[in-house]
């Protein structure tokens, strides 16, 4: 219909003789908006159409369904963006109906009686802004699996004391007048009540047996007392009146995600279950204390702009980072210095490590830490690793994305990586030791925050499961957040690198004469001499481009 240039009127008689019509679809290929003028018009409504199975009419132009229409064979009714105020009166034979979509029918005031729609599976009433009440006849929809009622801004009444056996997905986002927690099914798996006026969660919810996720973002809840024991994901984001989290959350053995971002009145967090793998607490302005440690080895933590965290809380976070973190996980929290348990440290956004400090060929797992400057947002960074093997640099590229808001102070961002080589090492690489490695952190956004410092810690396979036999002060010093005496700046590594002589280059040339295959970039490096062994990011790039060709 979006391609119709002039108004087209459809007479009721058009369908008069179509007794065997099964499929009727008038659709908009482009997005429908309120300003769009519908040019396909139906002045008198639809005729009988006794065999119709599917009826789709986007932006249906009439306020009422035709009285002569009989939906007894209808399987799918799709009237999104319609002008309907009411569909039909009384009880209709709807035993074949499986899908009903009235999305964005903003004038719909009266919902039809669905007593006979016992096989209805999907019901979409999203953006039906004039709808005030969901009728009690919904109790007959024992096969209803998915109910969408988001943005029904006038909705106040949802039937209670009914238990729809098949309902698993219930969305009531931004039903701003809804004050009563929906109790229409104990079999719900996903419940979204974001932006509602709900103030409390009733006790029976604790015993819901199938619930996986509850999204209560931006509700009016002040105290969270009752939470289902089998819950897996809990979003409380933006509950500015919420003051506490129940301590019995530690008994929820399936809980793996909690988001309390922008809960500005929460002062402390209770001990959390060992199953927790993601804790997001962005802009929790009052958060000071954490009770208990984080025991999940794969936990991700985000404490951006939690500026009131006390020293003990920060210690618990750092302990979890050091002991527990696993591959590709992230932790972010306020901080001004790379922690002392990162032995290799540098100012700026890159760090270089020489083989006289550590055997670079034995490690492919490590933690990195960057200090992010205040005053801008952080969307993540690209981490680039350059390993130099016998004058040939090899690049490893690891992108890391993170959506953090405007940083009100300097922050630490820490994560762990396992490097996998882009291809198996050659025989030549196996015979030649790695001389140095450079790690560079490049902020994704051109207007993003500055990387002020960076640090790196090599990890052995067992190192993340427990403390090594060396004493804790070796790793943490007198402070969890202070710089360690073992840190190495780029300038120090470059100075150590000056110990190299041209014998390394001569050994490579000798290897070439013995039949070890090389490439153009190696021969070019041989010509410029040992001075080129002291690499910078700019020096490495031309050789990388040669290798890629």
Protein backbone atom coordinates (compact mmCIF):
# COMPACT_ATOMS: atom_id res chain seq x y z
CA UNK A 1 0.00 0.00 0.00
CA UNK A 2 2.95 2.36 0.48
CA UNK A 3 3.42 2.45 -3.31
CA UNK A 4 -0.14 3.51 -4.14
CA UNK A 5 0.02 7.01 -5.64
CA UNK A 6 -3.65 7.93 -5.64
CA UNK A 7 -6.58 7.05 -3.43
CA UNK A 8 -8.04 3.64 -4.21
CA UNK A 9 -11.56 2.79 -3.01
CA UNK A 10 -12.48 -0.83 -2.45
CA UNK A 11 -16.16 -1.65 -2.60
CA UNK A 12 -17.76 -4.20 -0.31
CA UNK A 13 -18.88 -6.03 -3.44
CA UNK A 14 -15.24 -6.65 -4.35
CA UNK A 15 -15.15 -9.71 -2.07
CA UNK A 16 -18.80 -10.67 -2.42
CA UNK A 17 -18.30 -13.74 -4.59
CA UNK A 18 -14.94 -14.85 -3.07
CA UNK A 19 -16.42 -17.67 -1.03
CA UNK A 20 -13.21 -19.74 -1.10
CA UNK A 21 -10.77 -16.94 -0.27
CA UNK A 22 -8.26 -18.16 2.35
CA UNK A 23 -5.57 -15.47 2.39
CA UNK A 24 -6.08 -11.68 2.31
CA UNK A 25 -3.17 -9.33 2.97
CA UNK A 26 -2.86 -5.56 2.56
CA UNK A 27 0.55 -4.52 3.83
CA UNK A 28 2.92 -1.57 4.13
CA UNK A 29 6.46 -2.35 3.00
CA UNK A 30 7.74 0.89 4.59
CA UNK A 31 7.40 1.80 8.28
CA UNK A 32 3.97 3.11 9.22
CA UNK A 33 3.73 6.42 11.09
CA UNK A 34 0.91 8.68 12.21
CA UNK A 35 1.57 11.23 9.48
CA UNK A 36 1.26 8.71 6.68
CA UNK A 37 -1.91 9.12 4.63
CA UNK A 38 -3.47 5.78 3.83
CA UNK A 39 -4.67 5.81 0.24
CA UNK A 40 -6.30 2.38 0.15
CA UNK A 41 -9.81 2.94 1.46
CA UNK A 42 -12.62 0.59 2.43
CA UNK A 43 -15.75 2.71 2.93
CA UNK A 44 -18.20 -0.06 3.79
CA UNK A 45 -16.19 -2.90 5.34
CA UNK A 46 -15.58 -6.54 4.45
CA UNK A 47 -18.16 -9.04 3.26
CA UNK A 48 -18.77 -12.48 4.65
CA UNK A 49 -15.60 -14.39 3.51
CA UNK A 50 -16.52 -17.63 5.33
CA UNK A 51 -13.29 -19.56 4.61
CA UNK A 52 -10.75 -16.83 5.44
CA UNK A 53 -7.73 -18.15 7.40
CA UNK A 54 -5.41 -15.14 7.35
CA UNK A 55 -6.40 -11.49 7.41
CA UNK A 56 -3.72 -8.80 7.48
CA UNK A 57 -4.63 -5.20 6.90
CA UNK A 58 -1.98 -2.70 8.01
CA UNK A 59 -3.44 0.71 8.91
CA UNK A 60 -7.02 -0.53 8.60
CA UNK A 61 -8.98 2.72 7.99
CA UNK A 62 -12.31 2.02 9.78
CA UNK A 63 -13.17 2.42 13.48
CA UNK A 64 -15.25 -0.75 13.70
CA UNK A 65 -15.11 -4.23 12.24
CA UNK A 66 -17.93 -4.97 9.76
CA UNK A 67 -20.88 -6.64 11.45
CA UNK A 68 -21.24 -9.19 8.65
CA UNK A 69 -17.68 -10.49 9.04
CA UNK A 70 -17.48 -13.98 10.54
CA UNK A 71 -14.04 -15.05 11.92
CA UNK A 72 -14.83 -18.73 12.67
CA UNK A 73 -12.08 -20.06 10.34
CA UNK A 74 -9.58 -17.30 11.08
CA UNK A 75 -6.12 -18.50 12.18
CA UNK A 76 -4.23 -15.19 12.08
CA UNK A 77 -5.61 -11.66 12.49
CA UNK A 78 -3.08 -8.89 11.92
CA UNK A 79 -4.49 -5.34 12.13
CA UNK A 80 -1.44 -3.36 13.26
CA UNK A 81 -1.57 0.47 13.10
CA UNK A 82 -5.33 0.34 12.60
CA UNK A 83 -7.92 3.03 13.38
CA UNK A 84 -10.09 0.52 15.20
CA UNK A 85 -11.92 1.52 18.38
CA UNK A 86 -13.69 -1.80 18.73
CA UNK A 87 -13.55 -5.09 16.86
CA UNK A 88 -16.84 -6.83 17.50
CA UNK A 89 -19.56 -7.26 20.10
CA UNK A 90 -20.45 -10.39 22.01
CA UNK A 91 -18.72 -13.78 21.80
CA UNK A 92 -17.37 -14.83 18.42
CA UNK A 93 -16.40 -18.40 17.35
CA UNK A 94 -12.62 -18.05 17.47
CA UNK A 95 -11.50 -21.60 18.18
CA UNK A 96 -9.09 -21.62 15.21
CA UNK A 97 -7.42 -18.30 16.06
CA UNK A 98 -3.71 -18.67 16.89
CA UNK A 99 -2.28 -15.15 16.37
CA UNK A 100 -3.88 -11.75 17.04
CA UNK A 101 -1.86 -8.60 16.33
CA UNK A 102 -3.38 -5.20 17.07
CA UNK A 103 -0.03 -3.46 17.60
CA UNK A 104 -0.18 0.34 17.60
CA UNK A 105 -3.97 0.49 17.27
CA UNK A 106 -3.93 3.62 19.39
CA UNK A 107 -7.68 4.23 19.28
CA UNK A 108 -8.66 0.79 20.56
CA UNK A 109 -10.79 1.31 23.67
CA UNK A 110 -12.66 -1.95 24.12
CA UNK A 111 -10.91 -5.28 23.92
CA UNK A 112 -13.05 -8.06 22.40
CA UNK A 113 -14.38 -10.98 24.35
CA UNK A 114 -12.00 -13.89 23.74
CA UNK A 115 -13.90 -16.58 25.61
CA UNK A 116 -13.90 -18.85 22.55
CA UNK A 117 -10.28 -18.19 21.53
CA UNK A 118 -9.03 -21.18 23.50
CA UNK A 119 -6.18 -21.92 21.05
CA UNK A 120 -4.77 -18.38 20.87
CA UNK A 121 -0.97 -18.52 21.21
CA UNK A 122 0.24 -14.95 20.55
CA UNK A 123 -1.47 -11.67 21.44
CA UNK A 124 0.13 -8.30 20.61
CA UNK A 125 -1.52 -5.20 22.07
CA UNK A 126 1.60 -3.05 22.23
CA UNK A 127 1.01 0.73 21.93
CA UNK A 128 -2.79 0.37 22.30
CA UNK A 129 -2.72 3.63 24.20
CA UNK A 130 -6.49 3.94 24.78
CA UNK A 131 -6.92 0.49 26.31
CA UNK A 132 -7.70 0.73 30.04
CA UNK A 133 -8.52 -2.85 31.02
CA UNK A 134 -7.60 -6.37 30.04
CA UNK A 135 -10.92 -8.25 30.35
CA UNK A 136 -11.43 -11.23 32.61
CA UNK A 137 -12.22 -13.40 29.57
CA UNK A 138 -8.47 -13.73 29.15
CA UNK A 139 -8.64 -16.50 31.77
CA UNK A 140 -9.86 -18.82 29.00
CA UNK A 141 -6.63 -18.42 27.00
CA UNK A 142 -4.91 -21.46 28.46
CA UNK A 143 -2.75 -21.87 25.31
CA UNK A 144 -1.55 -18.25 25.28
CA UNK A 145 2.25 -18.23 25.29
CA UNK A 146 3.19 -14.62 24.48
CA UNK A 147 1.39 -11.45 25.61
CA UNK A 148 2.72 -8.05 24.54
CA UNK A 149 1.16 -4.96 26.13
CA UNK A 150 4.07 -2.52 26.23
CA UNK A 151 3.27 1.20 26.12
CA UNK A 152 -0.43 0.78 26.91
CA UNK A 153 -0.25 4.07 28.77
CA UNK A 154 -3.84 4.01 30.09
CA UNK A 155 -3.82 0.39 31.20
CA UNK A 156 -4.72 0.13 34.88
CA UNK A 157 -6.30 -3.30 35.31
CA UNK A 158 -4.80 -6.71 34.63
CA UNK A 159 -6.85 -9.66 35.98
CA UNK A 160 -5.38 -11.42 38.99
CA UNK A 161 -6.05 -14.78 40.66
CA UNK A 162 -5.92 -16.56 37.33
CA UNK A 163 -3.19 -18.91 36.18
CA UNK A 164 -2.66 -19.18 32.44
CA UNK A 165 -1.00 -22.56 32.02
CA UNK A 166 1.04 -21.73 28.89
CA UNK A 167 1.93 -18.05 29.36
CA UNK A 168 5.71 -17.66 29.36
CA UNK A 169 6.41 -14.15 28.01
CA UNK A 170 4.64 -11.11 29.47
CA UNK A 171 5.67 -7.59 28.48
CA UNK A 172 4.10 -4.61 30.27
CA UNK A 173 6.83 -2.03 29.70
CA UNK A 174 5.84 1.62 30.12
CA UNK A 175 2.29 0.87 31.26
CA UNK A 176 2.75 3.94 33.41
CA UNK A 177 -0.61 3.67 35.26
CA UNK A 178 -0.24 0.02 36.20
CA UNK A 179 0.27 -0.27 39.95
CA UNK A 180 -0.50 -3.93 40.62
CA UNK A 181 2.08 -6.63 40.02
CA UNK A 182 0.67 -9.02 37.36
CA UNK A 183 -0.24 -12.41 38.81
CA UNK A 184 -1.83 -14.15 35.85
CA UNK A 185 0.54 -17.10 35.49
CA UNK A 186 2.99 -19.03 37.65
CA UNK A 187 4.66 -20.41 34.52
CA UNK A 188 6.14 -17.15 33.23
CA UNK A 189 9.74 -17.31 32.03
CA UNK A 190 10.27 -13.63 31.09
CA UNK A 191 8.49 -10.70 32.76
CA UNK A 192 9.12 -7.08 31.75
CA UNK A 193 7.44 -4.37 33.85
CA UNK A 194 9.86 -1.54 33.07
CA UNK A 195 8.49 1.96 33.59
CA UNK A 196 5.34 0.92 35.46
CA UNK A 197 3.98 2.37 38.73
CA UNK A 198 4.36 -0.98 40.54
CA UNK A 199 5.55 -0.48 44.12
CA UNK A 200 6.02 -4.01 45.44
CA UNK A 201 6.43 -7.64 44.49
CA UNK A 202 3.89 -9.96 46.18
CA UNK A 203 4.98 -13.05 48.19
CA UNK A 204 3.60 -15.74 45.81
CA UNK A 205 6.18 -14.70 43.22
CA UNK A 206 8.87 -16.45 45.27
CA UNK A 207 7.44 -19.81 44.21
CA UNK A 208 7.24 -19.24 40.47
CA UNK A 209 8.96 -22.34 39.16
CA UNK A 210 9.97 -21.40 35.61
CA UNK A 211 10.89 -17.70 35.79
CA UNK A 212 14.25 -16.85 34.20
CA UNK A 213 14.26 -13.06 33.98
CA UNK A 214 12.44 -10.15 35.58
CA UNK A 215 13.05 -6.65 34.23
CA UNK A 216 11.88 -4.07 36.78
CA UNK A 217 13.76 -1.11 35.36
CA UNK A 218 12.44 2.29 36.44
CA UNK A 219 9.55 1.12 38.64
CA UNK A 220 8.40 2.64 41.95
CA UNK A 221 9.67 -0.22 44.12
CA UNK A 222 11.22 0.98 47.39
CA UNK A 223 11.98 -2.36 49.03
CA UNK A 224 12.55 -5.62 47.21
CA UNK A 225 11.46 -8.37 49.57
CA UNK A 226 10.21 -11.24 47.42
CA UNK A 227 12.27 -12.68 44.55
CA UNK A 228 11.73 -16.07 42.84
CA UNK A 229 14.24 -18.67 44.02
CA UNK A 230 14.87 -19.98 40.48
CA UNK A 231 15.48 -16.53 38.95
CA UNK A 232 18.45 -16.19 36.59
CA UNK A 233 18.47 -12.50 35.59
CA UNK A 234 17.26 -9.50 37.60
CA UNK A 235 17.25 -5.94 36.22
CA UNK A 236 16.55 -3.18 38.75
CA UNK A 237 18.13 -0.41 36.71
CA UNK A 238 16.91 3.11 37.42
CA UNK A 239 14.85 2.34 40.56
CA UNK A 240 15.74 5.61 42.25
CA UNK A 241 13.58 4.89 45.30
CA UNK A 242 15.06 1.45 45.95
CA UNK A 243 17.19 1.50 49.09
CA UNK A 244 18.28 -2.10 49.63
CA UNK A 245 18.72 -5.52 48.05
CA UNK A 246 17.47 -8.57 50.01
CA UNK A 247 20.23 -10.57 51.67
CA UNK A 248 18.63 -13.89 50.73
CA UNK A 249 19.74 -13.37 47.11
CA UNK A 250 22.82 -15.41 48.05
CA UNK A 251 20.56 -18.49 48.12
CA UNK A 252 19.46 -18.04 44.49
CA UNK A 253 21.71 -20.68 42.95
CA UNK A 254 20.74 -19.90 39.36
CA UNK A 255 21.11 -16.12 39.53
CA UNK A 256 23.78 -15.04 37.04
CA UNK A 257 22.99 -11.37 36.27
CA UNK A 258 22.06 -8.34 38.38
CA UNK A 259 21.80 -4.78 37.08
CA UNK A 260 21.34 -2.05 39.71
CA UNK A 261 22.64 0.84 37.59
CA UNK A 262 21.30 4.29 38.50
CA UNK A 263 19.84 3.01 41.78
CA UNK A 264 21.17 6.12 43.48
CA UNK A 265 19.97 5.30 47.01
CA UNK A 266 21.49 1.84 47.44
CA UNK A 267 24.27 2.08 50.04
CA UNK A 268 25.41 -1.54 50.28
CA UNK A 269 25.18 -4.85 48.47
CA UNK A 270 24.64 -8.12 50.36
CA UNK A 271 26.61 -11.28 49.78
CA UNK A 272 25.72 -12.53 46.30
CA UNK A 273 25.55 -16.12 45.02
CA UNK A 274 28.56 -17.82 43.49
CA UNK A 275 26.60 -18.30 40.27
CA UNK A 276 26.66 -14.54 39.56
CA UNK A 277 28.56 -13.83 36.32
CA UNK A 278 27.56 -10.19 35.63
CA UNK A 279 27.10 -7.33 38.09
CA UNK A 280 26.36 -3.88 36.67
CA UNK A 281 26.26 -0.95 39.08
CA UNK A 282 26.80 2.11 36.87
CA UNK A 283 26.20 5.49 38.56
CA UNK A 284 25.23 4.03 41.95
CA UNK A 285 26.11 7.31 43.63
CA UNK A 286 25.56 6.15 47.22
CA UNK A 287 27.10 2.66 47.02
CA UNK A 288 29.76 2.27 49.70
CA UNK A 289 29.95 -1.30 50.95
CA UNK A 290 30.07 -4.81 49.53
CA UNK A 291 29.34 -7.75 51.82
CA UNK A 292 31.08 -10.90 50.70
CA UNK A 293 33.44 -11.70 47.84
CA UNK A 294 32.69 -12.53 44.22
CA UNK A 295 33.27 -16.24 43.75
CA UNK A 296 32.45 -16.81 40.09
CA UNK A 297 35.65 -17.18 38.06
CA UNK A 298 33.96 -15.63 35.01
CA UNK A 299 32.35 -12.60 36.65
CA UNK A 300 32.07 -9.25 34.86
CA UNK A 301 31.78 -6.16 37.07
CA UNK A 302 30.99 -2.56 36.18
CA UNK A 303 31.21 0.03 38.95
CA UNK A 304 31.48 3.12 36.75
CA UNK A 305 31.05 6.35 38.75
CA UNK A 306 30.57 4.52 42.07
CA UNK A 307 32.77 7.15 43.68
CA UNK A 308 31.84 6.39 47.31
CA UNK A 309 33.11 2.79 47.35
CA UNK A 310 35.15 2.39 50.54
CA UNK A 311 38.61 0.87 50.71
CA UNK A 312 37.35 -2.54 51.81
CA UNK A 313 34.89 -2.71 48.92
CA UNK A 314 37.63 -1.86 46.45
CA UNK A 315 39.84 -4.56 47.95
CA UNK A 316 37.12 -7.16 47.40
CA UNK A 317 36.76 -6.10 43.77
CA UNK A 318 40.51 -6.30 43.21
CA UNK A 319 40.70 -9.71 44.85
CA UNK A 320 38.05 -10.96 42.44
CA UNK A 321 39.89 -9.45 39.50
CA UNK A 322 43.16 -11.06 40.49
CA UNK A 323 41.85 -14.49 41.46
CA UNK A 324 38.69 -15.06 39.50
CA UNK A 325 38.59 -13.41 36.13
CA UNK A 326 38.39 -15.53 33.03
CA UNK A 327 38.80 -14.99 29.32
CA UNK A 328 37.24 -11.85 27.77
CA UNK A 329 35.63 -10.64 31.00
CA UNK A 330 35.84 -7.01 32.14
CA UNK A 331 35.93 -5.05 35.37
CA UNK A 332 35.68 -1.27 35.58
CA UNK A 333 35.80 0.84 38.74
CA UNK A 334 37.13 4.22 39.95
CA UNK A 335 40.90 4.39 40.25
CA UNK A 336 43.89 6.55 39.36
CA UNK A 337 46.80 4.08 39.19
CA UNK A 338 47.48 0.65 37.74
CA UNK A 339 47.34 -1.83 40.67
CA UNK A 340 50.62 -3.20 41.97
CA UNK A 341 49.79 -6.76 40.95
CA UNK A 342 50.43 -5.77 37.32
CA UNK A 343 54.24 -6.19 37.22
CA UNK A 344 54.70 -4.43 33.87
CA UNK A 345 53.47 -0.84 33.79
CA UNK A 346 53.85 2.23 31.66
CA UNK A 347 52.45 5.70 31.22
CA UNK A 348 50.46 6.39 28.06
CA UNK A 349 48.55 3.89 25.95
CA UNK A 350 51.28 1.34 25.14
CA UNK A 351 53.76 -0.86 26.93
CA UNK A 352 56.83 -2.73 25.68
CA UNK A 353 58.25 -5.84 27.34
CA UNK A 354 61.72 -7.25 26.62
CA UNK A 355 62.67 -10.92 26.75
CA UNK A 356 65.20 -10.30 29.53
CA UNK A 357 62.20 -9.63 31.81
CA UNK A 358 60.17 -12.74 30.96
CA UNK A 359 60.24 -15.62 28.48
CA UNK A 360 57.71 -14.27 26.00
CA UNK A 361 57.38 -17.54 24.10
CA UNK A 362 55.79 -19.37 27.05
CA UNK A 363 52.75 -17.20 27.65
CA UNK A 364 49.55 -16.57 25.75
CA UNK A 365 47.27 -15.61 28.66
CA UNK A 366 47.47 -12.37 30.59
CA UNK A 367 45.55 -9.55 32.22
CA UNK A 368 45.69 -5.96 31.07
CA UNK A 369 44.74 -2.78 32.88
CA UNK A 370 44.27 0.75 31.60
CA UNK A 371 43.67 3.98 33.48
CA UNK A 372 40.96 6.02 31.76
CA UNK A 373 41.00 9.79 32.11
CA UNK A 374 37.93 11.57 33.46
CA UNK A 375 35.71 13.88 31.46
CA UNK A 376 34.63 11.67 28.55
CA UNK A 377 32.75 8.43 27.87
CA UNK A 378 34.36 5.04 27.23
CA UNK A 379 32.96 2.78 24.52
CA UNK A 380 35.77 0.25 24.53
CA UNK A 381 39.17 -0.10 22.93
CA UNK A 382 41.14 -2.12 20.41
CA UNK A 383 44.05 -3.98 21.99
CA UNK A 384 46.93 -4.70 19.61
CA UNK A 385 49.80 -7.03 20.44
CA UNK A 386 53.05 -7.08 18.54
CA UNK A 387 55.38 -10.01 19.08
CA UNK A 388 58.79 -9.69 17.48
CA UNK A 389 60.29 -13.01 16.36
CA UNK A 390 63.73 -12.76 14.74
CA UNK A 391 63.11 -9.25 13.46
CA UNK A 392 59.62 -10.12 12.16
CA UNK A 393 56.74 -8.57 14.10
CA UNK A 394 53.53 -10.56 14.32
CA UNK A 395 50.32 -8.67 15.16
CA UNK A 396 47.50 -9.98 17.33
CA UNK A 397 44.34 -7.88 17.38
CA UNK A 398 41.71 -8.13 20.14
CA UNK A 399 38.71 -5.74 20.03
CA UNK A 400 36.98 -5.03 23.34
CA UNK A 401 33.66 -3.20 23.53
CA UNK A 402 32.14 -1.64 26.60
CA UNK A 403 29.39 0.93 26.91
CA UNK A 404 30.23 3.20 29.85
CA UNK A 405 28.80 6.68 30.46
CA UNK A 406 30.61 9.95 31.06
CA UNK A 407 33.43 9.27 33.54
CA UNK A 408 33.25 11.61 36.52
CA UNK A 409 36.74 10.59 37.69
CA UNK A 410 39.64 8.48 36.47
CA UNK A 411 38.72 4.79 36.16
CA UNK A 412 40.46 1.44 35.90
CA UNK A 413 39.40 -1.00 33.21
CA UNK A 414 40.78 -4.53 33.51
CA UNK A 415 40.26 -7.66 31.45
CA UNK A 416 41.91 -10.95 30.63
CA UNK A 417 42.80 -12.39 27.23
CA UNK A 418 44.04 -15.57 25.68
CA UNK A 419 46.02 -14.94 22.51
CA UNK A 420 45.53 -17.41 19.70
CA UNK A 421 48.06 -17.09 16.85
CA UNK A 422 46.56 -16.28 13.44
CA UNK A 423 48.39 -19.30 12.02
CA UNK A 424 50.69 -22.05 13.36
CA UNK A 425 54.29 -20.96 14.03
CA UNK A 426 56.80 -21.77 11.32
CA UNK A 427 59.91 -23.88 11.97
CA UNK A 428 61.96 -20.73 11.84
CA UNK A 429 59.79 -19.06 14.48
CA UNK A 430 60.12 -22.10 16.73
CA UNK A 431 63.91 -21.90 16.50
CA UNK A 432 64.14 -18.16 17.18
CA UNK A 433 63.25 -16.65 20.56
CA UNK A 434 60.80 -13.77 20.86
CA UNK A 435 62.82 -10.65 21.62
CA UNK A 436 60.10 -8.22 22.63
CA UNK A 437 56.38 -7.57 22.75
CA UNK A 438 54.41 -4.36 22.51
CA UNK A 439 50.81 -3.92 23.66
CA UNK A 440 48.85 -0.90 22.45
CA UNK A 441 45.42 0.30 23.63
CA UNK A 442 43.51 2.38 21.11
CA UNK A 443 40.19 3.99 22.16
CA UNK A 444 37.40 3.23 19.69
CA UNK A 445 35.68 6.62 19.65
CA UNK A 446 37.68 9.63 18.40
CA UNK A 447 36.04 11.66 21.17
CA UNK A 448 36.56 9.00 23.79
CA UNK A 449 38.53 9.22 27.00
CA UNK A 450 42.33 9.21 27.25
CA UNK A 451 44.40 6.18 28.28
CA UNK A 452 46.70 7.64 30.94
CA UNK A 453 48.47 4.47 32.10
CA UNK A 454 48.51 0.78 31.24
CA UNK A 455 49.71 -2.43 32.81
CA UNK A 456 50.12 -6.11 31.98
CA UNK A 457 50.35 -9.33 33.97
CA UNK A 458 51.33 -12.70 32.47
CA UNK A 459 49.18 -15.64 33.54
CA UNK A 460 50.07 -19.27 33.89
CA UNK A 461 47.28 -21.80 33.28
CA UNK A 462 46.56 -22.25 37.00
CA UNK A 463 47.04 -18.67 38.10
CA UNK A 464 43.43 -17.50 38.04
CA UNK A 465 42.14 -20.29 40.29
CA UNK A 466 44.07 -19.35 43.44
CA UNK A 467 46.89 -17.21 44.78
CA UNK A 468 50.33 -18.42 43.88
CA UNK A 469 52.70 -19.48 46.65
CA UNK A 470 54.32 -16.04 46.73
CA UNK A 471 53.02 -13.76 49.47
CA UNK A 472 50.17 -11.36 48.84
CA UNK A 473 52.28 -8.22 49.45
CA UNK A 474 54.39 -9.23 46.43
CA UNK A 475 51.31 -8.77 44.26
CA UNK A 476 49.40 -6.11 46.07
CA UNK A 477 52.03 -4.18 48.02
CA UNK A 478 50.86 -2.05 50.93
CA UNK A 479 47.87 -0.92 48.89
CA UNK A 480 45.68 -2.68 46.36
CA UNK A 481 45.73 0.33 44.10
CA UNK A 482 49.33 1.51 44.40
CA UNK A 483 52.07 1.07 41.81
CA UNK A 484 54.51 -1.79 42.35
CA UNK A 485 58.27 -1.58 42.43
CA UNK A 486 58.48 -4.07 39.57
CA UNK A 487 56.84 -1.77 37.03
CA UNK A 488 58.69 -1.05 33.79
CA UNK A 489 58.21 2.01 31.64
CA UNK A 490 58.69 1.99 27.88
CA UNK A 491 61.79 4.13 28.30
CA UNK A 492 63.36 1.56 30.68
CA UNK A 493 62.62 -1.28 28.28
CA UNK A 494 64.04 0.73 25.39
CA UNK A 495 67.18 1.35 27.43
CA UNK A 496 67.50 -2.37 28.14
CA UNK A 497 67.01 -3.05 24.47
CA UNK A 498 70.14 -1.07 23.68
CA UNK A 499 72.09 -4.06 25.04
CA UNK A 500 71.30 -5.80 21.73
CA UNK A 501 74.12 -6.05 19.21
CA UNK A 502 74.29 -6.66 15.51
CA UNK A 503 75.04 -10.34 16.22
CA UNK A 504 71.29 -10.97 16.30
CA UNK A 505 71.00 -9.63 12.78
CA UNK A 506 74.05 -11.59 11.67
CA UNK A 507 72.53 -14.79 13.08
CA UNK A 508 69.40 -14.17 11.04
CA UNK A 509 71.45 -13.57 7.90
CA UNK A 510 73.36 -16.80 8.56
CA UNK A 511 70.05 -18.63 8.87
CA UNK A 512 68.97 -17.29 5.49
CA UNK A 513 72.17 -18.62 3.89
CA UNK A 514 71.51 -22.05 5.40
CA UNK A 515 68.27 -22.27 3.51
CA UNK A 516 65.75 -20.97 6.03
CA UNK A 517 63.06 -19.25 4.01
CA UNK A 518 62.52 -15.53 4.68
CA UNK A 519 60.53 -12.75 3.14
CA UNK A 520 61.10 -9.26 1.86
CA UNK A 521 60.36 -7.56 5.15
CA UNK A 522 63.09 -9.56 6.94
CA UNK A 523 65.69 -8.66 4.30
CA UNK A 524 64.68 -5.03 4.56
CA UNK A 525 65.15 -5.14 8.33
CA UNK A 526 68.57 -6.75 7.88
CA UNK A 527 69.72 -3.78 5.79
CA UNK A 528 68.75 -1.10 8.27
CA UNK A 529 70.62 -2.86 11.07
CA UNK A 530 70.19 -3.47 14.75
CA UNK A 531 68.83 0.00 15.40
CA UNK A 532 65.48 -1.07 13.98
CA UNK A 533 65.20 -3.69 16.70
CA UNK A 534 64.08 -0.92 19.09
CA UNK A 535 60.51 -0.89 17.92
CA UNK A 536 57.72 1.59 18.22
CA UNK A 537 54.19 1.29 16.92
CA UNK A 538 55.08 3.37 13.87
CA UNK A 539 58.17 1.27 13.11
CA UNK A 540 56.16 -1.93 13.18
CA UNK A 541 53.40 -0.84 10.84
CA UNK A 542 55.30 -0.89 7.50
CA UNK A 543 56.53 -4.41 8.16
CA UNK A 544 53.06 -5.57 9.09
CA UNK A 545 51.74 -4.23 5.82
CA UNK A 546 54.46 -6.12 3.95
CA UNK A 547 53.58 -9.33 5.77
CA UNK A 548 49.90 -8.98 4.95
CA UNK A 549 50.72 -8.87 1.23
